[in-house]
Protein backbone atom coordinates (compact mmCIF):
# COMPACT_ATOMS: atom_id res chain seq x y z
CA MET A 1 7.35 134.99 87.93
CA ILE A 2 5.85 135.34 84.52
CA ASP A 3 6.62 138.68 82.89
CA GLY A 4 7.23 140.24 86.33
CA GLU A 5 3.95 139.00 87.83
CA VAL A 6 4.05 137.05 91.09
CA VAL A 7 1.96 133.94 90.46
CA SER A 8 2.41 132.25 93.85
CA LYS A 9 3.66 133.16 97.29
CA GLY A 10 4.27 129.50 98.06
CA ASN A 11 3.18 127.49 101.05
CA LYS A 12 5.43 129.03 103.71
CA ARG A 13 5.20 129.79 107.40
CA THR A 14 6.99 132.19 109.68
CA ILE A 15 7.92 130.35 112.87
CA TRP A 16 9.13 132.35 115.83
CA VAL A 17 9.60 131.87 119.57
CA ASP A 18 7.91 134.11 122.11
CA ALA A 19 10.31 133.55 125.01
CA THR A 20 9.27 136.64 126.97
CA ASN A 21 6.34 135.06 128.83
CA GLY A 22 4.79 138.53 128.83
CA THR A 23 7.70 140.15 130.65
CA THR A 24 11.16 141.42 129.76
CA ASP A 25 14.19 141.91 131.99
CA PRO A 26 15.48 145.51 131.70
CA VAL A 27 19.09 144.37 132.23
CA VAL A 28 18.84 141.83 129.42
CA MET A 29 17.18 144.37 127.11
CA HIS A 30 19.98 146.87 127.85
CA ASP A 31 22.59 144.25 126.86
CA ILE A 32 20.69 143.40 123.66
CA ASP A 33 20.38 147.11 122.78
CA LYS A 34 24.16 147.52 123.18
CA LYS A 35 24.85 144.53 120.90
CA PHE A 36 22.44 145.89 118.27
CA LEU A 37 24.20 149.24 118.29
CA ARG A 38 27.57 147.55 117.90
CA PHE A 39 26.85 144.79 115.37
CA TYR A 40 23.73 145.71 113.37
CA SER A 41 22.87 148.50 110.96
CA VAL A 42 19.34 148.74 112.41
CA THR A 43 18.25 149.60 115.93
CA MET A 44 15.95 147.52 118.13
CA LYS A 45 13.10 149.91 117.28
CA ASN A 46 13.52 149.09 113.57
CA TYR A 47 14.02 145.33 114.00
CA PRO A 48 10.51 144.00 114.83
CA VAL A 49 8.39 142.73 111.96
CA GLN A 50 4.76 143.81 111.81
CA ASP A 51 2.12 141.06 111.79
CA SER A 52 1.03 142.07 108.29
CA TYR A 53 4.38 140.80 106.95
CA ALA A 54 4.08 137.44 108.71
CA VAL A 55 0.66 136.37 107.54
CA SER A 56 1.22 132.65 108.11
CA ASN A 57 2.46 132.92 111.69
CA LEU A 58 3.29 130.04 114.02
CA VAL A 59 4.22 131.22 117.52
CA VAL A 60 6.07 128.78 119.77
CA LYS A 61 5.74 129.50 123.49
CA PRO A 62 8.19 127.44 125.56
CA GLU A 63 7.18 126.11 128.93
CA ALA A 64 8.75 127.81 131.94
CA ALA A 65 11.68 125.94 133.44
């Protein structure tokens, strides 16, 4: 920064894994929700990041086992 002005955002990427394959297991989601309530200060509804914040996205989709 120069005098508080952002001069570069850098050459960065957001890499994330889409392991849902278009579906989610309600039992697994229930377990994840419980862990979020216990260990995090945000809820699952507040956790996702909107696409506008991840402008240089790279989505990894694993092959089904």
